[in-house]
Amino acid sequence: MLGLQRKDFGLLVLVGVLTLLAPFLLNPFPENSALAQFNAGYPDLMQRFVIFGIFAIGFNILFGLTGYLSFGHAAFLGVGSYAAIWSMKLLTMNVIPAIVFAIIIAGLFSLLVGWISLRRSGIYFSILTLAFAQMSYALAYSVLTPITGGETGLQPKVADPRLFDAALTEGAVPSANLFGLTMKSSYELSVGGWLFTFNAGYYVAAIFMMAAFYMAIRIFRSPFGMMLRAIKTNQTRMNYTGLNPRPYTLAAFVISGMYAGLAGGLMVAMDTQVGPERMFWTASGEVVLMTILGGAGTLIGPVLGAGMIKYMENIISKINDGILYEWFAALPDGLQDVLVTLIHPFIGKGWHLTLGIVFMLVVIFLPGGLIEGGQRVRRLFSRRKKPDVPARDPEHHPKPQPHVA
């Protein structure tokens, strides 16, 4: 269905179901329980899951299929964000034109960067993309202040022209919307001790993520995707056969940049505040970690990696010593202090240390990322379920009897 193989269609349906039920799945603990700290079912974090999932899916098309490692993809995320915010300032607060402009402008910018950077490969390509990203950051931070807002960034204002929107009433604040449905609109469902939040902005972003995931599947299974894998396997042999790999790598680079632009546009749709920090080199490094953690070259791996990093950034970073003392309240005071002292470096502002340890363990023991870990667990259980078949002894096989007429 939808031009997909049965296995791929099943994966798409699975991702769709998990995305739809995310408000329930990400809130496993009651609100008043001590473990409610680990709930992630609130709108801002769920939006980040799907938006950075799109960012990682696009990066995986370049890195996972061709092997070209870009350290400058944050530039396209930032360019897409600036295109979206200017669409909201000049045209309308409707998110659809903003997202369209974000994709187009990011695609054009990635075409320019890719055309120059892909003249080199390996580490030289990576350094060139990093240089472009840092130049973009520097321009947005200082030189292009009238366009980017500099350090303070940009956000919609009441005085903005917005040609296709009606004039705001006095005291009203411009807000991103989808044909009148504001992205901040939410419905809360209380069931027992649980509180589930269904946010309009999350589901709008989730629809775009499903479309992006579907397109990624089609690219992976297409002849174009096969050519990208051939480039990753042995580009020299491709040259010997007379095939020029550069158009394919440039196309992959532009598609990847457009995915980043889509993510940047959605970030503006959810939070109409844009700053140059989205172009900083750490943002480019983050999407590399997402892809490797989840599993480079796999379909769903980058989404899992994005979810894992954003979960740690927003959940582990909020745990402090006070919360730890509450968890260990039943223990003797001396033991409490020891445990808090041991755990303290890995929580709060030290969550990066925890992420570093997790990343190191994955690279060493699961080179294929979280997807490889899931495959190992599945193989382990499949072996246990497989019935033991007794070996046959050839000496006790019945001998064929001669035929008597």
Protein backbone atom coordinates (compact mmCIF):
# COMPACT_ATOMS: atom_id res chain seq x y z
CA MET A 1 0.00 0.00 0.00
CA LEU A 2 1.05 3.59 -0.72
CA GLY A 3 3.78 2.16 -2.93
CA LEU A 4 5.49 0.49 0.04
CA GLN A 5 6.46 -3.09 0.69
CA ARG A 6 4.49 -4.90 3.35
CA LYS A 7 7.28 -4.62 5.94
CA ASP A 8 7.78 -0.89 5.31
CA PHE A 9 4.05 -0.21 5.42
CA GLY A 10 3.86 -2.03 8.76
CA LEU A 11 6.69 0.14 10.08
CA LEU A 12 4.91 3.29 8.90
CA VAL A 13 1.69 2.21 10.61
CA LEU A 14 3.59 1.39 13.81
CA VAL A 15 5.22 4.83 13.87
CA GLY A 16 1.84 6.43 13.20
CA VAL A 17 0.16 4.56 16.07
CA LEU A 18 2.98 5.40 18.49
CA THR A 19 2.84 9.05 17.43
CA LEU A 20 -0.93 9.18 17.85
CA LEU A 21 -0.84 7.60 21.30
CA ALA A 22 2.24 9.54 22.49
CA PRO A 23 0.30 11.57 25.13
CA PHE A 24 -0.58 8.26 26.83
CA LEU A 25 2.70 6.41 26.27
CA LEU A 26 4.88 9.26 27.51
CA ASN A 27 2.91 9.69 30.75
CA PRO A 28 3.25 6.26 32.41
CA PHE A 29 3.31 7.56 36.00
CA PRO A 30 0.54 9.34 37.98
CA GLU A 31 0.99 13.07 38.49
CA ASN A 32 1.37 12.81 42.27
CA SER A 33 3.86 9.93 42.25
CA ALA A 34 7.59 10.32 42.85
CA LEU A 35 8.27 8.95 39.38
CA ALA A 36 6.18 11.63 37.65
CA GLN A 37 9.51 13.40 37.12
CA PHE A 38 10.13 10.96 34.25
CA ASN A 39 6.88 11.72 32.42
CA ALA A 40 7.50 13.33 29.03
CA GLY A 41 3.95 13.76 27.76
CA TYR A 42 3.79 17.54 27.86
CA PRO A 43 3.37 19.55 24.62
CA ASP A 44 6.73 21.32 24.42
CA LEU A 45 8.76 18.11 24.74
CA MET A 46 6.52 16.06 22.45
CA GLN A 47 6.88 18.75 19.79
CA ARG A 48 10.65 18.58 20.14
CA PHE A 49 10.55 14.80 19.73
CA VAL A 50 8.89 14.98 16.31
CA ILE A 51 10.66 18.14 15.05
CA PHE A 52 14.14 16.88 15.84
CA GLY A 53 13.04 13.50 14.52
CA ILE A 54 12.47 15.20 11.14
CA PHE A 55 15.86 16.88 11.42
CA ALA A 56 17.56 13.54 12.11
CA ILE A 57 15.66 11.71 9.34
CA GLY A 58 16.89 14.25 6.81
CA PHE A 59 20.46 14.11 8.06
CA ASN A 60 20.35 10.31 7.84
CA ILE A 61 19.53 10.51 4.12
CA LEU A 62 22.90 12.17 3.61
CA PHE A 63 25.07 10.51 6.25
CA GLY A 64 23.37 7.14 6.53
CA LEU A 65 23.11 6.48 2.79
CA THR A 66 26.12 8.24 1.29
CA GLY A 67 28.53 8.27 4.24
CA TYR A 68 29.13 12.03 3.86
CA LEU A 69 29.37 13.48 7.38
CA SER A 70 28.15 17.07 7.54
CA PHE A 71 28.94 19.24 10.57
CA GLY A 72 26.96 22.18 9.24
CA HIS A 73 23.34 21.08 9.03
CA ALA A 74 22.35 23.54 11.74
CA ALA A 75 22.80 26.29 9.14
CA PHE A 76 19.81 24.95 7.17
CA LEU A 77 17.79 24.62 10.36
CA GLY A 78 18.48 28.29 11.13
CA VAL A 79 17.86 29.52 7.59
CA GLY A 80 14.54 27.69 7.56
CA SER A 81 13.61 29.29 10.87
CA TYR A 82 14.41 32.79 9.64
CA ALA A 83 12.44 32.21 6.43
CA ALA A 84 9.44 31.06 8.47
CA ILE A 85 9.52 34.00 10.88
CA TRP A 86 9.72 36.51 8.04
CA SER A 87 6.74 34.81 6.40
CA MET A 88 4.82 35.32 9.63
CA LYS A 89 5.92 38.95 9.90
CA LEU A 90 5.19 39.92 6.29
CA LEU A 91 2.41 37.62 5.07
CA THR A 92 0.38 35.67 7.62
CA MET A 93 0.63 33.86 10.93
CA ASN A 94 -0.66 30.73 9.21
CA VAL A 95 2.02 28.06 9.56
CA ILE A 96 1.59 26.54 6.07
CA PRO A 97 3.19 29.41 4.07
CA ALA A 98 5.89 29.70 6.75
CA ILE A 99 6.80 26.02 6.43
CA VAL A 100 6.74 26.16 2.61
CA PHE A 101 9.11 29.14 2.57
CA ALA A 102 11.34 27.45 5.13
CA ILE A 103 11.71 24.36 2.93
CA ILE A 104 12.34 26.35 -0.25
CA ILE A 105 14.88 28.79 1.19
CA ALA A 106 16.73 26.04 3.08
CA GLY A 107 16.80 23.97 -0.11
CA LEU A 108 18.31 26.83 -2.13
CA PHE A 109 20.90 27.55 0.53
CA SER A 110 21.82 23.86 0.80
CA LEU A 111 22.20 23.75 -2.99
CA LEU A 112 24.81 26.53 -2.78
CA VAL A 113 26.64 24.98 0.19
CA GLY A 114 26.52 21.48 -1.28
CA TRP A 115 27.73 22.60 -4.71
CA ILE A 116 30.87 24.01 -3.06
CA SER A 117 31.41 21.49 -0.25
CA LEU A 118 30.95 18.36 -2.36
CA ARG A 119 34.02 19.23 -4.38
CA ARG A 120 35.80 17.53 -1.51
CA SER A 121 35.10 14.34 0.43
CA GLY A 122 35.95 12.83 3.79
CA ILE A 123 37.18 15.11 6.54
CA TYR A 124 37.62 18.01 4.11
CA PHE A 125 33.92 17.91 3.27
CA SER A 126 33.03 17.87 6.97
CA ILE A 127 35.29 20.87 7.70
CA LEU A 128 33.80 22.83 4.78
CA THR A 129 30.25 22.30 6.02
CA LEU A 130 31.29 23.27 9.54
CA ALA A 131 32.88 26.44 8.17
CA PHE A 132 29.68 27.38 6.31
CA ALA A 133 27.61 26.80 9.44
CA GLN A 134 29.87 28.97 11.59
CA MET A 135 29.94 31.70 8.95
CA SER A 136 26.15 31.62 8.86
CA TYR A 137 26.04 31.87 12.64
CA ALA A 138 28.45 34.83 12.63
CA LEU A 139 26.44 36.62 9.93
CA ALA A 140 23.16 36.07 11.77
CA TYR A 141 24.68 37.15 15.09
CA SER A 142 26.23 40.41 13.97
CA VAL A 143 26.54 41.38 10.29
CA LEU A 144 22.94 40.69 9.23
CA THR A 145 21.34 42.09 12.38
CA PRO A 146 18.65 44.08 10.46
CA ILE A 147 17.44 40.77 8.96
CA THR A 148 18.09 38.34 11.81
CA GLY A 149 17.67 40.53 14.88
CA GLY A 150 21.18 39.70 16.03
CA GLU A 151 21.60 38.39 19.56
CA THR A 152 17.99 39.16 20.57
CA GLY A 153 16.51 37.36 17.57
CA LEU A 154 13.15 37.89 15.90
CA GLN A 155 9.53 37.38 16.86
CA PRO A 156 6.17 38.52 15.45
CA LYS A 157 5.00 41.95 16.56
CA VAL A 158 1.65 43.70 16.43
CA ALA A 159 3.12 46.38 14.13
CA ASP A 160 4.18 43.85 11.47
CA PRO A 161 2.33 44.33 8.12
CA ARG A 162 1.03 40.74 7.62
CA LEU A 163 -0.64 41.36 4.26
CA PHE A 164 -3.10 38.45 4.43
CA ASP A 165 -4.17 38.71 8.08
CA ALA A 166 -6.87 40.91 9.51
CA ALA A 167 -5.81 43.67 11.87
CA LEU A 168 -5.36 42.53 15.47
CA THR A 169 -7.64 43.88 18.13
CA GLU A 170 -6.14 46.08 20.82
CA GLY A 171 -4.07 44.07 23.29
CA ALA A 172 -4.03 40.94 21.11
CA VAL A 173 -0.79 39.05 20.57
CA PRO A 174 -0.01 37.44 17.18
CA SER A 175 0.12 33.65 17.47
CA ALA A 176 0.91 30.92 14.98
CA ASN A 177 -2.14 29.09 13.70
CA LEU A 178 -3.39 26.63 11.12
CA PHE A 179 -6.38 28.32 9.47
CA GLY A 180 -7.49 29.71 12.82
CA LEU A 181 -6.45 26.78 15.03
CA THR A 182 -3.67 28.10 17.27
CA MET A 183 -0.68 25.87 17.84
CA LYS A 184 -0.94 26.34 21.60
CA SER A 185 -4.48 24.98 21.77
CA SER A 186 -4.64 21.98 24.10
CA TYR A 187 -7.20 19.62 25.58
CA GLU A 188 -6.51 17.95 28.92
CA LEU A 189 -7.94 14.59 29.93
CA SER A 190 -7.80 13.57 33.56
CA VAL A 191 -8.08 9.84 34.30
CA GLY A 192 -7.51 8.83 37.90
CA GLY A 193 -4.11 10.18 38.90
CA TRP A 194 -3.02 10.71 35.29
CA LEU A 195 -3.27 13.91 33.27
CA PHE A 196 -2.99 13.59 29.48
CA THR A 197 -2.53 16.66 27.26
CA PHE A 198 -3.50 16.69 23.58
CA ASN A 199 -1.86 19.65 21.88
CA ALA A 200 -2.76 20.95 18.41
CA GLY A 201 0.80 22.00 17.65
CA TYR A 202 2.13 18.53 18.43
CA TYR A 203 -0.27 16.79 16.08
CA VAL A 204 0.41 19.30 13.28
CA ALA A 205 4.14 18.63 13.66
CA ALA A 206 3.45 14.88 13.88
CA ILE A 207 1.61 14.93 10.54
CA PHE A 208 4.64 16.54 8.91
CA MET A 209 6.91 13.98 10.57
CA MET A 210 4.84 11.11 9.20
CA ALA A 211 5.00 12.63 5.72
CA ALA A 212 8.77 13.09 6.08
CA PHE A 213 9.16 9.51 7.31
CA TYR A 214 7.11 8.18 4.38
CA MET A 215 9.27 10.12 1.91
CA ALA A 216 12.40 8.74 3.58
CA ILE A 217 11.13 5.18 3.12
CA ARG A 218 10.47 5.85 -0.57
CA ILE A 219 13.98 7.30 -0.97
CA PHE A 220 15.60 4.36 0.83
CA ARG A 221 13.81 1.80 -1.37
CA SER A 222 14.21 3.67 -4.67
CA PRO A 223 16.92 3.25 -7.35
CA PHE A 224 18.15 6.67 -6.21
CA GLY A 225 18.65 5.30 -2.72
CA MET A 226 20.49 2.31 -4.18
CA MET A 227 22.86 4.69 -5.98
CA LEU A 228 23.51 6.52 -2.70
CA ARG A 229 24.39 3.21 -1.03
CA ALA A 230 26.74 2.44 -3.89
CA ILE A 231 28.48 5.77 -3.30
CA LYS A 232 28.93 4.89 0.36
CA THR A 233 30.20 1.39 -0.45
CA ASN A 234 32.81 2.29 -3.05
CA GLN A 235 32.71 5.60 -4.88
CA THR A 236 35.92 4.81 -6.80
CA ARG A 237 34.34 1.80 -8.47
CA MET A 238 31.37 3.94 -9.48
CA ASN A 239 33.75 6.31 -11.22
CA TYR A 240 35.35 3.37 -13.05
CA THR A 241 31.95 2.29 -14.38
CA GLY A 242 31.45 5.75 -15.88
CA LEU A 243 28.83 6.92 -13.37
CA ASN A 244 29.29 10.40 -11.94
CA PRO A 245 28.35 10.26 -8.22
CA ARG A 246 28.33 14.02 -7.67
CA PRO A 247 24.75 14.71 -8.93
CA TYR A 248 23.46 12.01 -6.60
CA THR A 249 25.37 13.31 -3.57
CA LEU A 250 24.28 16.87 -4.33
CA ALA A 251 20.65 15.77 -4.59
CA ALA A 252 20.96 13.92 -1.27
CA PHE A 253 22.54 17.00 0.30
CA VAL A 254 19.74 19.28 -0.91
CA ILE A 255 17.01 16.87 0.22
CA SER A 256 18.69 16.63 3.61
CA GLY A 257 18.87 20.43 3.81
CA MET A 258 15.17 20.72 2.96
CA TYR A 259 14.35 18.33 5.80
CA ALA A 260 16.35 20.59 8.11
CA GLY A 261 14.45 23.60 6.76
CA LEU A 262 11.15 21.83 7.48
CA ALA A 263 12.30 21.22 11.05
CA GLY A 264 13.30 24.88 11.38
CA GLY A 265 9.94 26.06 10.08
CA LEU A 266 8.10 23.80 12.51
CA MET A 267 10.19 25.13 15.38
CA VAL A 268 8.94 28.62 14.54
CA ALA A 269 5.37 27.37 14.22
CA MET A 270 5.56 25.97 17.76
CA ASP A 271 7.59 28.80 19.32
CA THR A 272 7.65 32.08 17.39
CA GLN A 273 11.06 33.18 18.63
CA VAL A 274 14.12 32.78 16.39
CA GLY A 275 17.74 33.38 17.37
CA PRO A 276 21.15 32.68 15.82
CA GLU A 277 21.92 29.97 18.38
CA ARG A 278 20.09 27.48 16.15
CA MET A 279 23.01 27.74 13.71
CA PHE A 280 25.76 27.14 16.25
CA TRP A 281 28.07 24.14 15.72
CA THR A 282 26.69 22.33 18.78
CA ALA A 283 23.29 22.04 17.05
CA SER A 284 25.00 20.37 14.08
CA GLY A 285 26.84 18.00 16.41
CA GLU A 286 23.60 17.15 18.15
CA VAL A 287 21.96 15.77 15.01
CA VAL A 288 25.08 13.68 14.36
CA LEU A 289 24.72 12.15 17.83
CA MET A 290 21.02 11.51 17.25
CA THR A 291 21.69 9.61 14.06
CA ILE A 292 24.55 7.52 15.42
CA LEU A 293 22.75 6.73 18.68
CA GLY A 294 19.63 5.55 16.89
CA GLY A 295 21.40 3.78 14.06
CA ALA A 296 22.81 5.45 10.96
CA GLY A 297 21.43 4.09 7.72
CA THR A 298 18.26 2.73 9.32
CA LEU A 299 14.79 4.14 8.85
CA ILE A 300 13.52 4.62 12.38
CA GLY A 301 16.85 4.78 14.19
CA PRO A 302 17.40 8.56 13.88
CA VAL A 303 13.93 9.20 15.30
CA LEU A 304 14.74 7.05 18.33
CA GLY A 305 18.08 8.81 18.76
CA ALA A 306 16.41 12.22 18.61
CA GLY A 307 13.85 11.16 21.18
CA MET A 308 16.51 9.79 23.51
CA ILE A 309 18.66 12.94 23.45
CA LYS A 310 15.72 15.32 23.85
CA TYR A 311 14.37 13.20 26.69
CA MET A 312 17.68 13.38 28.53
CA GLU A 313 18.01 17.10 27.84
CA ASN A 314 14.58 17.90 29.23
CA ILE A 315 14.09 15.24 31.93
CA ILE A 316 17.51 14.27 33.31
CA SER A 317 18.59 17.92 33.33
CA LYS A 318 15.68 18.87 35.64
CA ILE A 319 16.58 16.38 38.37
CA ASN A 320 18.36 18.12 41.24
CA ASP A 321 19.66 17.23 44.69
CA GLY A 322 16.31 18.07 46.29
CA ILE A 323 14.52 15.49 44.14
CA LEU A 324 17.20 12.91 44.93
CA TYR A 325 16.76 13.44 48.67
CA GLU A 326 13.00 12.92 48.23
CA TRP A 327 13.64 9.63 46.42
CA PHE A 328 16.02 8.39 49.11
CA ALA A 329 14.01 9.72 52.06
CA ALA A 330 13.51 6.23 53.50
CA LEU A 331 17.27 5.62 53.75
CA PRO A 332 19.55 6.66 56.64
CA ASP A 333 20.92 10.20 56.37
CA GLY A 334 24.51 9.09 55.82
CA LEU A 335 23.55 6.75 52.99
CA GLN A 336 21.38 9.48 51.48
CA ASP A 337 24.34 11.86 51.32
CA VAL A 338 26.58 9.23 49.73
CA LEU A 339 24.05 8.36 47.01
CA VAL A 340 23.28 12.01 46.24
CA THR A 341 27.00 12.79 46.04
CA LEU A 342 27.56 9.89 43.63
CA ILE A 343 24.62 10.73 41.36
CA HIS A 344 24.96 14.53 41.46
CA PRO A 345 27.56 14.82 38.61
CA PHE A 346 25.25 12.98 36.20
CA ILE A 347 22.06 15.07 36.63
CA GLY A 348 21.04 18.69 36.26
CA LYS A 349 23.71 20.62 34.41
CA GLY A 350 25.77 17.42 34.27
CA TRP A 351 23.31 15.62 32.00
CA HIS A 352 25.86 15.93 29.18
CA LEU A 353 28.12 13.58 31.15
CA THR A 354 25.34 10.99 31.23
CA LEU A 355 24.78 11.47 27.49
CA GLY A 356 28.51 11.05 26.85
CA ILE A 357 28.62 7.77 28.77
CA VAL A 358 25.54 6.46 26.94
CA PHE A 359 27.02 7.46 23.59
CA MET A 360 30.33 5.78 24.43
CA LEU A 361 28.60 2.55 25.45
CA VAL A 362 26.48 2.51 22.30
CA VAL A 363 29.47 3.10 20.02
CA ILE A 364 31.50 0.37 21.75
CA PHE A 365 28.87 -2.33 22.26
CA LEU A 366 26.15 -1.40 19.73
CA PRO A 367 27.82 0.06 16.64
CA GLY A 368 24.47 -0.15 14.87
CA GLY A 369 22.81 2.04 17.51
CA LEU A 370 19.59 1.41 19.38
CA ILE A 371 18.21 -0.46 16.38
CA GLU A 372 20.98 -3.04 16.70
CA GLY A 373 20.19 -3.38 20.40
CA GLY A 374 16.55 -4.07 19.59
CA GLN A 375 17.55 -6.63 16.97
CA ARG A 376 19.79 -8.44 19.44
CA VAL A 377 16.99 -8.62 22.01
CA ARG A 378 14.58 -9.93 19.38
CA ARG A 379 17.03 -12.62 18.27
CA LEU A 380 17.61 -13.62 21.89
CA PHE A 381 13.90 -14.15 22.54
CA SER A 382 13.36 -15.88 19.20
CA ARG A 383 16.03 -18.44 20.13
CA ARG A 384 14.35 -19.13 23.45
CA LYS A 385 10.97 -19.65 21.82
CA LYS A 386 12.32 -21.94 19.12
CA PRO A 387 11.49 -25.56 20.06
CA ASP A 388 14.37 -27.98 20.42
CA VAL A 389 14.37 -30.53 17.61
CA PRO A 390 16.01 -33.84 18.68
CA ALA A 391 18.90 -34.83 16.48
CA ARG A 392 18.33 -37.96 14.44
CA ASP A 393 20.76 -40.84 14.77
CA PRO A 394 21.59 -42.15 11.30
CA GLU A 395 22.32 -45.60 12.75
CA HIS A 396 18.70 -46.03 13.83
CA HIS A 397 17.11 -44.95 10.59
CA PRO A 398 14.85 -47.71 9.25
CA LYS A 399 16.40 -49.39 6.27
CA PRO A 400 14.31 -49.62 3.12
CA GLN A 401 12.73 -53.06 2.69
CA PRO A 402 13.04 -54.86 -0.62
CA HIS A 403 9.93 -54.87 -2.68
CA VAL A 404 8.30 -58.30 -2.94
CA ALA A 405 6.08 -58.87 -5.93
